[in-house]
């Protein structure tokens, strides 16, 4: 047995000296002094040794286990010291390089600010998938069957899912309003919720339009909602976002999903209402449609329009960000140009 102990000890010393990492040292420790290690298993053989030799063999085994453990600890310290050694060509006097810090994209920041503002007024945040159906994008929003928005010149239809019934035809959502109908169907009144997200339109990209852009929808539905309440909501949100009162005007407009419908403009913040290329020299810029949900939309959501009414707005988030920072080209926000985006950190 003495020869076995010396052989195992010699083998363990060799592996410890060759270990190049803590994980290798841990493997050596398990192999020799762990519960199923070679020296631990040899300890179980002592009862089979001649009784007169047992004390001596037990002492040798304990000494071997202690020696292996100490050598492992020493090697571990050695490896730690080596890993922290500074290279001879490292100059501690050279100034370091400040790590670059990231920041929220200005559109994301605007979305978060709006979330905070609406939460403070008791609204819930709602989100849904970016792929939807013709049923929810158009049918349940009171769009007539021949409406041009249903055509591929406006809407991105999913190849292989662009035929069949309106619930079978799938598209990238062209607006958020269809998701709001789904919210009405799956929750109980009264409703106070906002719905932020990206939408997709097949249109020409220019300084004021993008094919993929962000909207922010807000909807109140209850039994006694006045038009004045909706206008106050709009003014409150804009003042919270811009930190000051912002002049707002509402013009009659037609949208299939609201009745009556309005074009809601705010004073151009790029020129201060004096007129510029962003506002087409009129001093106002359209930021959202709004109005009272159409009775057919309320019915699609499972509500009785004789009992419930409400107020709806759909904020063009990209345009609102343009106003906040005085930027005259929406494409800059989607360009991934870090020289531009670093301004907003």
C-alpha atoms as a PDB file:
ATOM      1  CA  UNK A   1       0.000   0.000   0.000  1.00  0.00           C
ATOM      2  CA  UNK A   2       2.919   2.322   0.721  1.00  0.00           C
ATOM      3  CA  UNK A   3       4.010   2.027  -2.904  1.00  0.00           C
ATOM      4  CA  UNK A   4       0.466   2.843  -4.076  1.00  0.00           C
ATOM      5  CA  UNK A   5       0.384   5.973  -1.911  1.00  0.00           C
ATOM      6  CA  UNK A   6       3.759   7.186  -3.229  1.00  0.00           C
ATOM      7  CA  UNK A   7       2.737   6.474  -6.828  1.00  0.00           C
ATOM      8  CA  UNK A   8      -0.562   8.365  -6.516  1.00  0.00           C
ATOM      9  CA  UNK A   9       1.174  11.255  -4.740  1.00  0.00           C
ATOM     10  CA  UNK A  10       3.822  11.504  -7.466  1.00  0.00           C
ATOM     11  CA  UNK A  11       1.158  11.505 -10.161  1.00  0.00           C
ATOM     12  CA  UNK A  12      -0.881  14.181  -8.362  1.00  0.00           C
ATOM     13  CA  UNK A  13       2.192  16.441  -7.985  1.00  0.00           C
ATOM     14  CA  UNK A  14       2.877  16.197 -11.711  1.00  0.00           C
ATOM     15  CA  UNK A  15      -0.680  17.143 -12.665  1.00  0.00           C
ATOM     16  CA  UNK A  16      -0.714  20.040 -10.194  1.00  0.00           C
ATOM     17  CA  UNK A  17       2.495  21.468 -11.639  1.00  0.00           C
ATOM     18  CA  UNK A  18       1.119  21.198 -15.188  1.00  0.00           C
ATOM     19  CA  UNK A  19      -2.266  22.787 -14.378  1.00  0.00           C
ATOM     20  CA  UNK A  20      -2.763  26.061 -16.260  1.00  0.00           C
ATOM     21  CA  UNK A  21      -6.118  27.165 -14.840  1.00  0.00           C
ATOM     22  CA  UNK A  22      -8.272  26.985 -11.742  1.00  0.00           C
ATOM     23  CA  UNK A  23     -10.694  24.640 -13.491  1.00  0.00           C
ATOM     24  CA  UNK A  24      -7.845  22.171 -14.138  1.00  0.00           C
ATOM     25  CA  UNK A  25      -6.791  22.423 -10.492  1.00  0.00           C
ATOM     26  CA  UNK A  26     -10.360  21.670  -9.420  1.00  0.00           C
ATOM     27  CA  UNK A  27     -10.311  18.557 -11.609  1.00  0.00           C
ATOM     28  CA  UNK A  28      -7.046  17.397  -9.984  1.00  0.00           C
ATOM     29  CA  UNK A  29      -8.514  17.974  -6.524  1.00  0.00           C
ATOM     30  CA  UNK A  30     -11.591  15.906  -7.355  1.00  0.00           C
ATOM     31  CA  UNK A  31      -9.451  13.129  -8.878  1.00  0.00           C
ATOM     32  CA  UNK A  32      -7.192  12.671  -5.839  1.00  0.00           C
ATOM     33  CA  UNK A  33      -8.723  14.085  -2.615  1.00  0.00           C
ATOM     34  CA  UNK A  34     -12.412  14.276  -3.520  1.00  0.00           C
ATOM     35  CA  UNK A  35     -14.951  11.804  -2.122  1.00  0.00           C
ATOM     36  CA  UNK A  36     -14.282   9.479  -5.046  1.00  0.00           C
ATOM     37  CA  UNK A  37     -10.628  10.534  -5.417  1.00  0.00           C
ATOM     38  CA  UNK A  38      -7.765   8.037  -5.608  1.00  0.00           C
ATOM     39  CA  UNK A  39      -6.431   8.754  -2.093  1.00  0.00           C
ATOM     40  CA  UNK A  40      -9.937   8.726  -0.575  1.00  0.00           C
ATOM     41  CA  UNK A  41     -10.683   5.326  -2.149  1.00  0.00           C
ATOM     42  CA  UNK A  42      -7.349   3.989  -0.891  1.00  0.00           C
ATOM     43  CA  UNK A  43      -8.410   4.964   2.632  1.00  0.00           C
ATOM     44  CA  UNK A  44     -11.235   2.429   2.337  1.00  0.00           C
ATOM     45  CA  UNK A  45      -8.664  -0.347   1.830  1.00  0.00           C
ATOM     46  CA  UNK A  46      -7.000   0.141   5.238  1.00  0.00           C
ATOM     47  CA  UNK A  47      -9.246  -2.431   6.974  1.00  0.00           C
ATOM     48  CA  UNK A  48      -7.778  -5.068   4.636  1.00  0.00           C
ATOM     49  CA  UNK A  49      -4.180  -4.250   5.690  1.00  0.00           C
ATOM     50  CA  UNK A  50      -2.408  -6.127   8.468  1.00  0.00           C
ATOM     51  CA  UNK A  51      -3.549  -4.701  11.816  1.00  0.00           C
ATOM     52  CA  UNK A  52       0.002  -3.796  12.868  1.00  0.00           C
ATOM     53  CA  UNK A  53       0.448  -1.633   9.736  1.00  0.00           C
ATOM     54  CA  UNK A  54      -2.901   0.173   9.806  1.00  0.00           C
ATOM     55  CA  UNK A  55      -1.815   3.153  11.964  1.00  0.00           C
ATOM     56  CA  UNK A  56       1.227   3.782   9.783  1.00  0.00           C
ATOM     57  CA  UNK A  57      -0.766   3.515   6.509  1.00  0.00           C
ATOM     58  CA  UNK A  58      -3.511   5.797   7.840  1.00  0.00           C
ATOM     59  CA  UNK A  59      -0.922   8.383   8.834  1.00  0.00           C
ATOM     60  CA  UNK A  60       0.755   8.224   5.388  1.00  0.00           C
ATOM     61  CA  UNK A  61      -2.573   8.606   3.592  1.00  0.00           C
ATOM     62  CA  UNK A  62      -3.554  11.651   5.662  1.00  0.00           C
ATOM     63  CA  UNK A  63      -0.156  13.214   5.054  1.00  0.00           C
ATOM     64  CA  UNK A  64      -0.482  12.591   1.306  1.00  0.00           C
ATOM     65  CA  UNK A  65      -3.984  14.147   1.190  1.00  0.00           C
ATOM     66  CA  UNK A  66      -2.808  17.200   3.144  1.00  0.00           C
ATOM     67  CA  UNK A  67       0.212  17.592   0.878  1.00  0.00           C
ATOM     68  CA  UNK A  68      -1.931  17.452  -2.265  1.00  0.00           C
ATOM     69  CA  UNK A  69      -4.367  20.018  -0.822  1.00  0.00           C
ATOM     70  CA  UNK A  70      -1.537  22.410   0.108  1.00  0.00           C
ATOM     71  CA  UNK A  71       0.096  22.072  -3.307  1.00  0.00           C
ATOM     72  CA  UNK A  72      -3.235  22.849  -4.992  1.00  0.00           C
ATOM     73  CA  UNK A  73      -3.711  25.978  -2.841  1.00  0.00           C
ATOM     74  CA  UNK A  74      -0.178  27.137  -3.629  1.00  0.00           C
ATOM     75  CA  UNK A  75      -0.688  26.590  -7.348  1.00  0.00           C
ATOM     76  CA  UNK A  76      -3.971  28.477  -7.236  1.00  0.00           C
ATOM     77  CA  UNK A  77      -2.230  31.486  -5.645  1.00  0.00           C
ATOM     78  CA  UNK A  78       0.500  31.264  -8.257  1.00  0.00           C
ATOM     79  CA  UNK A  79      -2.020  31.307 -11.093  1.00  0.00           C
ATOM     80  CA  UNK A  80      -3.844  34.288  -9.608  1.00  0.00           C
ATOM     81  CA  UNK A  81      -0.624  36.275  -9.300  1.00  0.00           C
ATOM     82  CA  UNK A  82       0.372  35.416 -12.842  1.00  0.00           C
ATOM     83  CA  UNK A  83      -2.977  36.524 -14.224  1.00  0.00           C
ATOM     84  CA  UNK A  84      -2.635  39.937 -12.573  1.00  0.00           C
ATOM     85  CA  UNK A  85       0.916  40.552 -13.737  1.00  0.00           C
ATOM     86  CA  UNK A  86       1.359  43.718 -15.784  1.00  0.00           C
ATOM     87  CA  UNK A  87       3.111  43.346 -19.104  1.00  0.00           C
ATOM     88  CA  UNK A  88       6.591  44.865 -19.220  1.00  0.00           C
ATOM     89  CA  UNK A  89       5.570  47.137 -22.109  1.00  0.00           C
ATOM     90  CA  UNK A  90       2.544  48.549 -20.236  1.00  0.00           C
ATOM     91  CA  UNK A  91       2.943  52.231 -19.375  1.00  0.00           C
ATOM     92  CA  UNK A  92       0.803  53.136 -16.356  1.00  0.00           C
ATOM     93  CA  UNK A  93       1.318  56.861 -17.023  1.00  0.00           C
ATOM     94  CA  UNK A  94      -0.537  56.829 -20.370  1.00  0.00           C
ATOM     95  CA  UNK A  95      -4.064  58.253 -19.992  1.00  0.00           C
ATOM     96  CA  UNK A  96      -6.800  55.656 -20.411  1.00  0.00           C
ATOM     97  CA  UNK A  97      -9.502  55.646 -23.072  1.00  0.00           C
ATOM     98  CA  UNK A  98     -12.914  56.594 -21.720  1.00  0.00           C
ATOM     99  CA  UNK A  99     -15.400  53.837 -22.603  1.00  0.00           C
ATOM    100  CA  UNK A 100     -18.182  54.992 -24.899  1.00  0.00           C
ATOM    101  CA  UNK A 101     -21.565  55.270 -23.215  1.00  0.00           C
ATOM    102  CA  UNK A 102     -24.852  54.488 -24.890  1.00  0.00           C
ATOM    103  CA  UNK A 103     -28.160  56.266 -24.683  1.00  0.00           C
ATOM    104  CA  UNK A 104     -31.804  55.847 -25.610  1.00  0.00           C
ATOM    105  CA  UNK A 105     -32.837  56.601 -29.169  1.00  0.00           C
ATOM    106  CA  UNK A 106     -34.808  59.897 -29.146  1.00  0.00           C
ATOM    107  CA  UNK A 107     -37.954  58.130 -30.413  1.00  0.00           C
ATOM    108  CA  UNK A 108     -37.650  55.530 -27.644  1.00  0.00           C
ATOM    109  CA  UNK A 109     -37.144  58.302 -25.088  1.00  0.00           C
ATOM    110  CA  UNK A 110     -40.226  60.106 -26.359  1.00  0.00           C
ATOM    111  CA  UNK A 111     -42.241  56.872 -26.084  1.00  0.00           C
ATOM    112  CA  UNK A 112     -41.102  56.415 -22.468  1.00  0.00           C
ATOM    113  CA  UNK A 113     -41.981  60.032 -21.650  1.00  0.00           C
ATOM    114  CA  UNK A 114     -45.462  59.565 -23.093  1.00  0.00           C
ATOM    115  CA  UNK A 115     -45.866  56.298 -21.161  1.00  0.00           C
ATOM    116  CA  UNK A 116     -45.032  58.148 -17.942  1.00  0.00           C
ATOM    117  CA  UNK A 117     -47.433  60.972 -18.772  1.00  0.00           C
ATOM    118  CA  UNK A 118     -50.325  58.630 -19.567  1.00  0.00           C
ATOM    119  CA  UNK A 119     -49.667  56.387 -16.564  1.00  0.00           C
ATOM    120  CA  UNK A 120     -49.930  59.473 -14.370  1.00  0.00           C
ATOM    121  CA  UNK A 121     -53.490  59.868 -15.697  1.00  0.00           C
ATOM    122  CA  UNK A 122     -54.447  56.241 -15.025  1.00  0.00           C
ATOM    123  CA  UNK A 123     -53.886  54.750 -18.489  1.00  0.00           C
ATOM    124  CA  UNK A 124     -52.719  51.187 -19.169  1.00  0.00           C
ATOM    125  CA  UNK A 125     -49.930  50.397 -21.702  1.00  0.00           C
ATOM    126  CA  UNK A 126     -50.973  47.906 -24.406  1.00  0.00           C
ATOM    127  CA  UNK A 127     -48.748  46.101 -26.952  1.00  0.00           C
ATOM    128  CA  UNK A 128     -49.435  43.628 -29.755  1.00  0.00           C
ATOM    129  CA  UNK A 129     -47.716  41.827 -32.664  1.00  0.00           C
ATOM    130  CA  UNK A 130     -46.653  43.773 -35.753  1.00  0.00           C
ATOM    131  CA  UNK A 131     -48.391  41.284 -38.081  1.00  0.00           C
ATOM    132  CA  UNK A 132     -52.165  41.552 -38.224  1.00  0.00           C
ATOM    133  CA  UNK A 133     -55.079  40.662 -40.500  1.00  0.00           C
ATOM    134  CA  UNK A 134     -57.250  42.551 -42.954  1.00  0.00           C
ATOM    135  CA  UNK A 135     -60.151  41.847 -40.607  1.00  0.00           C
ATOM    136  CA  UNK A 136     -58.622  43.970 -37.829  1.00  0.00           C
ATOM    137  CA  UNK A 137     -56.742  46.449 -40.009  1.00  0.00           C
ATOM    138  CA  UNK A 138     -59.766  47.438 -42.092  1.00  0.00           C
ATOM    139  CA  UNK A 139     -63.064  45.533 -41.654  1.00  0.00           C
ATOM    140  CA  UNK A 140     -63.505  46.189 -37.941  1.00  0.00           C
ATOM    141  CA  UNK A 141     -62.465  49.821 -38.440  1.00  0.00           C
ATOM    142  CA  UNK A 142     -65.355  50.597 -40.794  1.00  0.00           C
ATOM    143  CA  UNK A 143     -63.203  50.765 -43.952  1.00  0.00           C
ATOM    144  CA  UNK A 144     -65.369  50.090 -47.037  1.00  0.00           C
ATOM    145  CA  UNK A 145     -64.423  46.993 -49.112  1.00  0.00           C
ATOM    146  CA  UNK A 146     -63.059  49.101 -51.989  1.00  0.00           C
ATOM    147  CA  UNK A 147     -61.021  51.525 -49.862  1.00  0.00           C
ATOM    148  CA  UNK A 148     -57.618  52.254 -51.520  1.00  0.00           C
ATOM    149  CA  UNK A 149     -55.757  51.673 -48.234  1.00  0.00           C
ATOM    150  CA  UNK A 150     -56.444  47.957 -48.683  1.00  0.00           C
ATOM    151  CA  UNK A 151     -54.356  47.885 -51.877  1.00  0.00           C
ATOM    152  CA  UNK A 152     -50.694  46.849 -52.014  1.00  0.00           C
ATOM    153  CA  UNK A 153     -49.772  50.377 -53.060  1.00  0.00           C
ATOM    154  CA  UNK A 154     -50.475  51.356 -49.444  1.00  0.00           C
ATOM    155  CA  UNK A 155     -50.270  48.190 -47.319  1.00  0.00           C
ATOM    156  CA  UNK A 156     -47.556  45.525 -47.094  1.00  0.00           C
ATOM    157  CA  UNK A 157     -49.301  42.166 -47.495  1.00  0.00           C
ATOM    158  CA  UNK A 158     -47.490  38.992 -46.398  1.00  0.00           C
ATOM    159  CA  UNK A 159     -46.589  36.818 -49.381  1.00  0.00           C
ATOM    160  CA  UNK A 160     -48.441  33.492 -49.238  1.00  0.00           C
ATOM    161  CA  UNK A 161     -51.046  34.987 -46.874  1.00  0.00           C
ATOM    162  CA  UNK A 162     -52.433  37.691 -49.184  1.00  0.00           C
ATOM    163  CA  UNK A 163     -55.512  35.845 -50.420  1.00  0.00           C
ATOM    164  CA  UNK A 164     -58.676  34.380 -48.934  1.00  0.00           C
ATOM    165  CA  UNK A 165     -61.050  35.764 -46.343  1.00  0.00           C
ATOM    166  CA  UNK A 166     -60.265  38.953 -44.465  1.00  0.00           C
ATOM    167  CA  UNK A 167     -59.245  36.978 -41.380  1.00  0.00           C
ATOM    168  CA  UNK A 168     -56.835  34.896 -43.510  1.00  0.00           C
ATOM    169  CA  UNK A 169     -55.128  37.801 -45.271  1.00  0.00           C
ATOM    170  CA  UNK A 170     -52.145  38.977 -43.204  1.00  0.00           C
ATOM    171  CA  UNK A 171     -50.154  42.199 -43.416  1.00  0.00           C
ATOM    172  CA  UNK A 172     -47.676  44.335 -41.557  1.00  0.00           C
ATOM    173  CA  UNK A 173     -49.901  46.574 -39.480  1.00  0.00           C
ATOM    174  CA  UNK A 174     -50.527  49.836 -41.391  1.00  0.00           C
ATOM    175  CA  UNK A 175     -51.751  51.523 -38.186  1.00  0.00           C
ATOM    176  CA  UNK A 176     -52.373  50.644 -34.542  1.00  0.00           C
ATOM    177  CA  UNK A 177     -56.129  51.160 -34.420  1.00  0.00           C
ATOM    178  CA  UNK A 178     -57.035  47.548 -35.258  1.00  0.00           C
ATOM    179  CA  UNK A 179     -55.163  46.424 -32.160  1.00  0.00           C
ATOM    180  CA  UNK A 180     -57.280  48.796 -30.125  1.00  0.00           C
ATOM    181  CA  UNK A 181     -60.393  46.933 -31.261  1.00  0.00           C
ATOM    182  CA  UNK A 182     -58.793  43.719 -30.074  1.00  0.00           C
ATOM    183  CA  UNK A 183     -58.172  45.389 -26.692  1.00  0.00           C
ATOM    184  CA  UNK A 184     -61.858  46.346 -26.448  1.00  0.00           C
ATOM    185  CA  UNK A 185     -62.812  42.732 -27.168  1.00  0.00           C
ATOM    186  CA  UNK A 186     -60.549  41.255 -24.489  1.00  0.00           C
ATOM    187  CA  UNK A 187     -61.001  43.756 -21.632  1.00  0.00           C
ATOM    188  CA  UNK A 188     -63.916  45.170 -19.709  1.00  0.00           C
ATOM    189  CA  UNK A 189     -65.101  48.808 -19.810  1.00  0.00           C
ATOM    190  CA  UNK A 190     -64.392  51.541 -18.979  1.00  0.00           C
ATOM    191  CA  UNK A 191     -61.196  51.773 -21.059  1.00  0.00           C
ATOM    192  CA  UNK A 192     -58.177  54.017 -20.657  1.00  0.00           C
ATOM    193  CA  UNK A 193     -55.175  52.694 -22.536  1.00  0.00           C
ATOM    194  CA  UNK A 194     -52.347  53.658 -24.872  1.00  0.00           C
ATOM    195  CA  UNK A 195     -50.830  51.548 -27.602  1.00  0.00           C
ATOM    196  CA  UNK A 196     -47.291  52.441 -28.846  1.00  0.00           C
ATOM    197  CA  UNK A 197     -45.614  50.661 -31.748  1.00  0.00           C
ATOM    198  CA  UNK A 198     -44.111  50.627 -35.227  1.00  0.00           C
ATOM    199  CA  UNK A 199     -46.327  50.635 -38.323  1.00  0.00           C
ATOM    200  CA  UNK A 200     -45.601  50.099 -42.023  1.00  0.00           C
ATOM    201  CA  UNK A 201     -46.817  51.929 -45.131  1.00  0.00           C
ATOM    202  CA  UNK A 202     -45.826  51.423 -48.753  1.00  0.00           C
ATOM    203  CA  UNK A 203     -45.095  55.045 -49.541  1.00  0.00           C
ATOM    204  CA  UNK A 204     -42.300  57.226 -50.882  1.00  0.00           C
ATOM    205  CA  UNK A 205     -39.680  58.204 -48.315  1.00  0.00           C
ATOM    206  CA  UNK A 206     -38.952  61.914 -47.958  1.00  0.00           C
ATOM    207  CA  UNK A 207     -38.119  64.426 -45.240  1.00  0.00           C
ATOM    208  CA  UNK A 208     -41.553  63.982 -43.626  1.00  0.00           C
ATOM    209  CA  UNK A 209     -42.425  60.343 -44.411  1.00  0.00           C
ATOM    210  CA  UNK A 210     -40.937  56.907 -43.741  1.00  0.00           C
ATOM    211  CA  UNK A 211     -42.042  53.419 -44.749  1.00  0.00           C
ATOM    212  CA  UNK A 212     -41.599  52.164 -41.165  1.00  0.00           C
ATOM    213  CA  UNK A 213     -42.387  54.672 -38.444  1.00  0.00           C
ATOM    214  CA  UNK A 214     -43.766  54.909 -34.924  1.00  0.00           C
ATOM    215  CA  UNK A 215     -47.258  55.775 -33.763  1.00  0.00           C
ATOM    216  CA  UNK A 216     -48.680  56.224 -30.298  1.00  0.00           C
ATOM    217  CA  UNK A 217     -52.389  55.618 -29.915  1.00  0.00           C
ATOM    218  CA  UNK A 218     -54.534  56.649 -26.950  1.00  0.00           C
ATOM    219  CA  UNK A 219     -58.166  55.707 -26.401  1.00  0.00           C
ATOM    220  CA  UNK A 220     -60.729  56.510 -23.734  1.00  0.00           C
ATOM    221  CA  UNK A 221     -64.107  54.739 -23.812  1.00  0.00           C
ATOM    222  CA  UNK A 222     -66.733  55.302 -21.143  1.00  0.00           C
ATOM    223  CA  UNK A 223     -70.364  56.254 -20.753  1.00  0.00           C
ATOM    224  CA  UNK A 224     -69.841  60.007 -20.349  1.00  0.00           C
ATOM    225  CA  UNK A 225     -66.826  61.255 -22.308  1.00  0.00           C
ATOM    226  CA  UNK A 226     -67.111  64.771 -23.708  1.00  0.00           C
ATOM    227  CA  UNK A 227     -65.276  66.257 -26.666  1.00  0.00           C
ATOM    228  CA  UNK A 228     -63.735  68.830 -24.318  1.00  0.00           C
ATOM    229  CA  UNK A 229     -62.192  66.022 -22.254  1.00  0.00           C
ATOM    230  CA  UNK A 230     -60.384  64.765 -25.344  1.00  0.00           C
ATOM    231  CA  UNK A 231     -58.990  68.172 -26.204  1.00  0.00           C
ATOM    232  CA  UNK A 232     -57.793  68.691 -22.622  1.00  0.00           C
ATOM    233  CA  UNK A 233     -56.069  65.300 -22.796  1.00  0.00           C
ATOM    234  CA  UNK A 234     -54.204  66.336 -25.964  1.00  0.00           C
ATOM    235  CA  UNK A 235     -53.097  69.678 -24.494  1.00  0.00           C
ATOM    236  CA  UNK A 236     -52.006  68.019 -21.234  1.00  0.00           C
ATOM    237  CA  UNK A 237     -49.902  65.389 -23.018  1.00  0.00           C
ATOM    238  CA  UNK A 238     -48.152  67.906 -25.258  1.00  0.00           C
ATOM    239  CA  UNK A 239     -47.392  70.212 -22.347  1.00  0.00           C
ATOM    240  CA  UNK A 240     -45.869  67.299 -20.401  1.00  0.00           C
ATOM    241  CA  UNK A 241     -43.753  66.223 -23.370  1.00  0.00           C
ATOM    242  CA  UNK A 242     -42.486  69.700 -24.252  1.00  0.00           C
ATOM    243  CA  UNK A 243     -42.417  71.129 -20.736  1.00  0.00           C
ATOM    244  CA  UNK A 244     -44.630  74.066 -21.714  1.00  0.00           C
ATOM    245  CA  UNK A 245     -48.055  74.811 -23.183  1.00  0.00           C
ATOM    246  CA  UNK A 246     -48.138  74.150 -26.922  1.00  0.00           C
ATOM    247  CA  UNK A 247     -50.780  75.804 -29.137  1.00  0.00           C
ATOM    248  CA  UNK A 248     -53.122  73.191 -30.639  1.00  0.00           C
ATOM    249  CA  UNK A 249     -55.847  73.432 -33.255  1.00  0.00           C
ATOM    250  CA  UNK A 250     -58.399  70.883 -34.436  1.00  0.00           C
ATOM    251  CA  UNK A 251     -59.762  70.763 -37.983  1.00  0.00           C
ATOM    252  CA  UNK A 252     -62.579  68.594 -39.265  1.00  0.00           C
ATOM    253  CA  UNK A 253     -61.247  65.542 -41.071  1.00  0.00           C
ATOM    254  CA  UNK A 254     -62.557  62.226 -42.337  1.00  0.00           C
ATOM    255  CA  UNK A 255     -61.322  58.875 -41.032  1.00  0.00           C
ATOM    256  CA  UNK A 256     -63.512  55.744 -41.347  1.00  0.00           C
ATOM    257  CA  UNK A 257     -62.978  54.747 -37.699  1.00  0.00           C
ATOM    258  CA  UNK A 258     -64.090  58.019 -36.037  1.00  0.00           C
ATOM    259  CA  UNK A 259     -67.243  60.119 -36.243  1.00  0.00           C
ATOM    260  CA  UNK A 260     -66.782  63.040 -36.009  1.00  0.00           C
ATOM    261  CA  UNK A 261     -63.101  63.019 -37.003  1.00  0.00           C
ATOM    262  CA  UNK A 262     -60.439  65.696 -36.640  1.00  0.00           C
ATOM    263  CA  UNK A 263     -57.000  66.575 -37.909  1.00  0.00           C
ATOM    264  CA  UNK A 264     -55.098  67.732 -34.835  1.00  0.00           C
ATOM    265  CA  UNK A 265     -52.256  70.182 -35.453  1.00  0.00           C
ATOM    266  CA  UNK A 266     -49.698  71.740 -33.148  1.00  0.00           C
ATOM    267  CA  UNK A 267     -47.723  74.903 -33.652  1.00  0.00           C
ATOM    268  CA  UNK A 268     -44.498  74.105 -35.522  1.00  0.00           C
ATOM    269  CA  UNK A 269     -41.708  74.007 -32.948  1.00  0.00           C
ATOM    270  CA  UNK A 270     -38.983  74.260 -35.588  1.00  0.00           C
ATOM    271  CA  UNK A 271     -39.952  77.784 -36.634  1.00  0.00           C
ATOM    272  CA  UNK A 272     -42.162  78.760 -33.676  1.00  0.00           C
ATOM    273  CA  UNK A 273     -45.182  79.147 -35.925  1.00  0.00           C
ATOM    274  CA  UNK A 274     -43.515  81.577 -38.338  1.00  0.00           C
ATOM    275  CA  UNK A 275     -43.454  79.142 -41.258  1.00  0.00           C
ATOM    276  CA  UNK A 276     -40.689  76.868 -42.551  1.00  0.00           C
ATOM    277  CA  UNK A 277     -40.124  73.921 -44.902  1.00  0.00           C
ATOM    278  CA  UNK A 278     -41.152  71.441 -42.174  1.00  0.00           C
ATOM    279  CA  UNK A 279     -44.625  72.963 -41.733  1.00  0.00           C
ATOM    280  CA  UNK A 280     -44.853  73.943 -45.432  1.00  0.00           C
ATOM    281  CA  UNK A 281     -44.711  77.603 -44.362  1.00  0.00           C
ATOM    282  CA  UNK A 282     -48.104  77.564 -42.611  1.00  0.00           C
ATOM    283  CA  UNK A 283     -46.830  77.540 -39.021  1.00  0.00           C
ATOM    284  CA  UNK A 284     -48.741  74.361 -38.084  1.00  0.00           C
ATOM    285  CA  UNK A 285     -47.924  70.692 -38.447  1.00  0.00           C
ATOM    286  CA  UNK A 286     -50.305  67.743 -38.302  1.00  0.00           C
ATOM    287  CA  UNK A 287     -49.321  65.346 -35.502  1.00  0.00           C
ATOM    288  CA  UNK A 288     -52.382  63.160 -35.014  1.00  0.00           C
ATOM    289  CA  UNK A 289     -55.869  62.288 -36.193  1.00  0.00           C
ATOM    290  CA  UNK A 290     -58.519  62.038 -33.520  1.00  0.00           C
ATOM    291  CA  UNK A 291     -62.185  61.993 -32.726  1.00  0.00           C
ATOM    292  CA  UNK A 292     -65.009  59.910 -31.300  1.00  0.00           C
ATOM    293  CA  UNK A 293     -64.830  56.165 -32.145  1.00  0.00           C
ATOM    294  CA  UNK A 294     -67.307  55.338 -34.915  1.00  0.00           C
ATOM    295  CA  UNK A 295     -70.380  53.366 -33.731  1.00  0.00           C
ATOM    296  CA  UNK A 296     -69.369  50.475 -36.016  1.00  0.00           C
ATOM    297  CA  UNK A 297     -65.937  50.326 -34.347  1.00  0.00           C
ATOM    298  CA  UNK A 298     -67.538  50.233 -30.902  1.00  0.00           C
ATOM    299  CA  UNK A 299     -69.838  47.432 -32.089  1.00  0.00           C
ATOM    300  CA  UNK A 300     -66.792  45.534 -33.438  1.00  0.00           C
ATOM    301  CA  UNK A 301     -65.308  45.832 -29.954  1.00  0.00           C
ATOM    302  CA  UNK A 302     -68.457  44.359 -28.407  1.00  0.00           C
ATOM    303  CA  UNK A 303     -69.873  47.639 -27.069  1.00  0.00           C
ATOM    304  CA  UNK A 304     -73.261  49.309 -27.468  1.00  0.00           C
ATOM    305  CA  UNK A 305     -72.671  52.739 -29.136  1.00  0.00           C
ATOM    306  CA  UNK A 306     -75.898  54.015 -27.584  1.00  0.00           C
ATOM    307  CA  UNK A 307     -74.381  53.405 -24.165  1.00  0.00           C
ATOM    308  CA  UNK A 308     -70.662  54.097 -24.702  1.00  0.00           C
ATOM    309  CA  UNK A 309     -68.671  56.853 -26.355  1.00  0.00           C
ATOM    310  CA  UNK A 310     -65.070  57.968 -26.180  1.00  0.00           C
ATOM    311  CA  UNK A 311     -62.165  59.886 -27.615  1.00  0.00           C
ATOM    312  CA  UNK A 312     -59.305  58.610 -29.741  1.00  0.00           C
ATOM    313  CA  UNK A 313     -55.963  60.063 -30.875  1.00  0.00           C
ATOM    314  CA  UNK A 314     -53.134  58.507 -32.852  1.00  0.00           C
ATOM    315  CA  UNK A 315     -49.908  60.459 -32.374  1.00  0.00           C
ATOM    316  CA  UNK A 316     -47.280  60.478 -35.116  1.00  0.00           C
ATOM    317  CA  UNK A 317     -44.407  59.795 -32.743  1.00  0.00           C
ATOM    318  CA  UNK A 318     -41.650  60.522 -35.275  1.00  0.00           C
ATOM    319  CA  UNK A 319     -43.099  63.953 -36.065  1.00  0.00           C
ATOM    320  CA  UNK A 320     -43.467  64.736 -32.392  1.00  0.00           C
ATOM    321  CA  UNK A 321     -39.762  63.949 -31.893  1.00  0.00           C
ATOM    322  CA  UNK A 322     -38.940  66.232 -34.827  1.00  0.00           C
ATOM    323  CA  UNK A 323     -40.823  69.022 -33.072  1.00  0.00           C
ATOM    324  CA  UNK A 324     -39.178  68.343 -29.725  1.00  0.00           C
ATOM    325  CA  UNK A 325     -35.649  68.680 -31.101  1.00  0.00           C
ATOM    326  CA  UNK A 326     -36.218  71.024 -34.037  1.00  0.00           C
ATOM    327  CA  UNK A 327     -35.118  68.461 -36.645  1.00  0.00           C
ATOM    328  CA  UNK A 328     -36.339  69.036 -40.197  1.00  0.00           C
ATOM    329  CA  UNK A 329     -35.819  65.542 -41.707  1.00  0.00           C
ATOM    330  CA  UNK A 330     -37.413  62.422 -40.189  1.00  0.00           C
ATOM    331  CA  UNK A 331     -35.005  60.157 -42.092  1.00  0.00           C
ATOM    332  CA  UNK A 332     -32.176  61.220 -39.789  1.00  0.00           C
ATOM    333  CA  UNK A 333     -33.806  59.372 -36.880  1.00  0.00           C
ATOM    334  CA  UNK A 334     -33.842  56.113 -38.866  1.00  0.00           C
ATOM    335  CA  UNK A 335     -30.412  56.463 -40.442  1.00  0.00           C
ATOM    336  CA  UNK A 336     -28.408  54.789 -37.620  1.00  0.00           C
ATOM    337  CA  UNK A 337     -25.873  57.599 -38.076  1.00  0.00           C
ATOM    338  CA  UNK A 338     -24.116  57.760 -34.707  1.00  0.00           C
ATOM    339  CA  UNK A 339     -22.854  61.283 -35.407  1.00  0.00           C
ATOM    340  CA  UNK A 340     -26.477  62.396 -35.395  1.00  0.00           C
ATOM    341  CA  UNK A 341     -27.768  60.147 -32.594  1.00  0.00           C
ATOM    342  CA  UNK A 342     -24.970  61.019 -30.136  1.00  0.00           C
ATOM    343  CA  UNK A 343     -26.529  64.471 -29.753  1.00  0.00           C
ATOM    344  CA  UNK A 344     -29.426  62.990 -27.784  1.00  0.00           C
ATOM    345  CA  UNK A 345     -27.524  61.036 -25.104  1.00  0.00           C
END
